[in-house]
């Protein structure tokens, strides 16, 4: 985020030493470090909450897509098809067809 190099850090440390003084500088540095750590944890928590919400929204969308697809499959299974619309016709066709039975050839045996 901020591009702070080594020279800038040294300049900040020198100014802090002059303004705050050498006696209070360690306490101020600890306090600043603790505040920085809290801020980082807060940002990490907010980041994870946002990520969790995004995943939750993705899961809800996926659930809706799956439900829509399952309804579509269910409707396609329950909907009458062209073959199912005239079962009587197909039954008649099956009844009209008679199986063709070929007779077995008769073996003629010669008398001995």
Protein backbone atom coordinates (compact mmCIF):
# COMPACT_ATOMS: atom_id res chain seq x y z
CA UNK A 1 0.00 0.00 0.00
CA UNK A 2 2.57 2.54 1.15
CA UNK A 3 6.00 2.35 -0.37
CA UNK A 4 8.21 3.11 2.63
CA UNK A 5 11.89 2.43 2.16
CA UNK A 6 14.69 2.11 4.69
CA UNK A 7 15.72 5.77 4.39
CA UNK A 8 12.16 6.93 5.19
CA UNK A 9 12.06 4.67 8.26
CA UNK A 10 15.35 6.10 9.51
CA UNK A 11 14.05 9.63 9.03
CA UNK A 12 10.83 8.81 10.93
CA UNK A 13 12.88 7.23 13.76
CA UNK A 14 15.13 10.31 14.06
CA UNK A 15 12.16 12.69 14.11
CA UNK A 16 10.36 10.49 16.67
CA UNK A 17 13.51 10.44 18.86
CA UNK A 18 13.71 14.23 18.79
CA UNK A 19 9.97 14.88 19.31
CA UNK A 20 9.11 12.10 21.79
CA UNK A 21 12.42 11.75 23.50
CA UNK A 22 14.54 8.68 24.25
CA UNK A 23 12.73 7.89 27.55
CA UNK A 24 9.23 7.49 26.10
CA UNK A 25 10.19 6.18 22.64
CA UNK A 26 10.18 2.44 23.58
CA UNK A 27 6.71 2.72 25.16
CA UNK A 28 5.35 4.61 22.13
CA UNK A 29 6.89 2.02 19.79
CA UNK A 30 5.25 -0.85 21.72
CA UNK A 31 1.90 0.95 21.67
CA UNK A 32 2.21 1.66 17.94
CA UNK A 33 3.12 -1.99 17.31
CA UNK A 34 0.12 -3.21 19.34
CA UNK A 35 -2.22 -0.86 17.46
CA UNK A 36 -0.76 -1.99 14.15
CA UNK A 37 -1.28 -5.65 15.14
CA UNK A 38 -4.92 -4.98 16.12
CA UNK A 39 -5.49 -3.19 12.85
CA UNK A 40 -4.04 -6.10 10.88
CA UNK A 41 -6.21 -8.62 12.76
CA UNK A 42 -9.29 -6.46 12.19
CA UNK A 43 -8.55 -6.19 8.46
CA UNK A 44 -7.96 -9.97 8.29
CA UNK A 45 -11.31 -10.61 10.05
CA UNK A 46 -13.18 -8.28 7.71
CA UNK A 47 -11.48 -9.90 4.74
CA UNK A 48 -12.46 -13.39 5.89
CA UNK A 49 -16.06 -12.26 6.52
CA UNK A 50 -16.32 -10.83 3.02
CA UNK A 51 -14.83 -14.01 1.56
CA UNK A 52 -17.27 -16.15 3.57
CA UNK A 53 -20.20 -14.07 2.32
CA UNK A 54 -19.01 -14.41 -1.27
CA UNK A 55 -18.74 -18.18 -0.87
CA UNK A 56 -22.20 -18.28 0.69
CA UNK A 57 -23.65 -16.34 -2.24
CA UNK A 58 -21.89 -18.68 -4.68
CA UNK A 59 -23.33 -21.69 -2.86
CA UNK A 60 -26.83 -20.19 -2.92
CA UNK A 61 -26.53 -19.56 -6.64
CA UNK A 62 -25.26 -23.10 -7.21
CA UNK A 63 -28.14 -24.49 -5.17
CA UNK A 64 -30.64 -22.53 -7.27
CA UNK A 65 -29.05 -23.80 -10.49
CA UNK A 66 -29.17 -27.40 -9.26
CA UNK A 67 -32.81 -27.04 -8.21
CA UNK A 68 -33.70 -25.56 -11.61
CA UNK A 69 -31.93 -28.40 -13.40
CA UNK A 70 -33.60 -31.02 -11.23
CA UNK A 71 -37.03 -29.50 -11.95
CA UNK A 72 -36.18 -29.49 -15.64
CA UNK A 73 -35.20 -33.16 -15.52
CA UNK A 74 -38.29 -34.01 -13.49
CA UNK A 75 -40.52 -32.21 -16.00
CA UNK A 76 -38.84 -33.95 -18.92
CA UNK A 77 -39.40 -37.32 -17.26
CA UNK A 78 -43.02 -36.65 -16.37
CA UNK A 79 -43.92 -34.95 -19.65
CA UNK A 80 -45.54 -37.27 -22.21
CA UNK A 81 -43.35 -38.03 -25.18
CA UNK A 82 -44.46 -38.83 -28.71
CA UNK A 83 -44.03 -42.56 -28.04
CA UNK A 84 -46.09 -42.40 -24.86
CA UNK A 85 -48.89 -40.38 -26.49
CA UNK A 86 -50.21 -43.35 -28.48
CA UNK A 87 -49.57 -46.54 -26.53
CA UNK A 88 -52.61 -48.19 -28.11
CA UNK A 89 -51.10 -47.78 -31.57
CA UNK A 90 -47.81 -49.40 -30.58
CA UNK A 91 -49.67 -52.22 -28.82
CA UNK A 92 -51.71 -52.85 -31.97
CA UNK A 93 -48.57 -52.97 -34.05
CA UNK A 94 -47.11 -55.54 -31.68
CA UNK A 95 -50.29 -57.62 -31.75
CA UNK A 96 -50.46 -57.57 -35.55
CA UNK A 97 -46.99 -58.95 -35.89
CA UNK A 98 -46.96 -62.71 -35.70
CA UNK A 99 -43.75 -64.49 -35.10
CA UNK A 100 -42.44 -66.43 -38.05
CA UNK A 101 -41.66 -69.99 -37.09
CA UNK A 102 -39.59 -71.98 -39.49
CA UNK A 103 -40.27 -75.69 -39.43
CA UNK A 104 -37.39 -77.99 -38.72
CA UNK A 105 -36.34 -80.08 -41.66
CA UNK A 106 -37.41 -83.66 -41.45
CA UNK A 107 -34.66 -86.12 -41.82
CA UNK A 108 -35.58 -89.06 -43.88
CA UNK A 109 -34.00 -92.18 -42.76
CA UNK A 110 -33.34 -95.04 -45.08
CA UNK A 111 -34.49 -98.48 -44.01
CA UNK A 112 -31.66 -100.80 -43.20
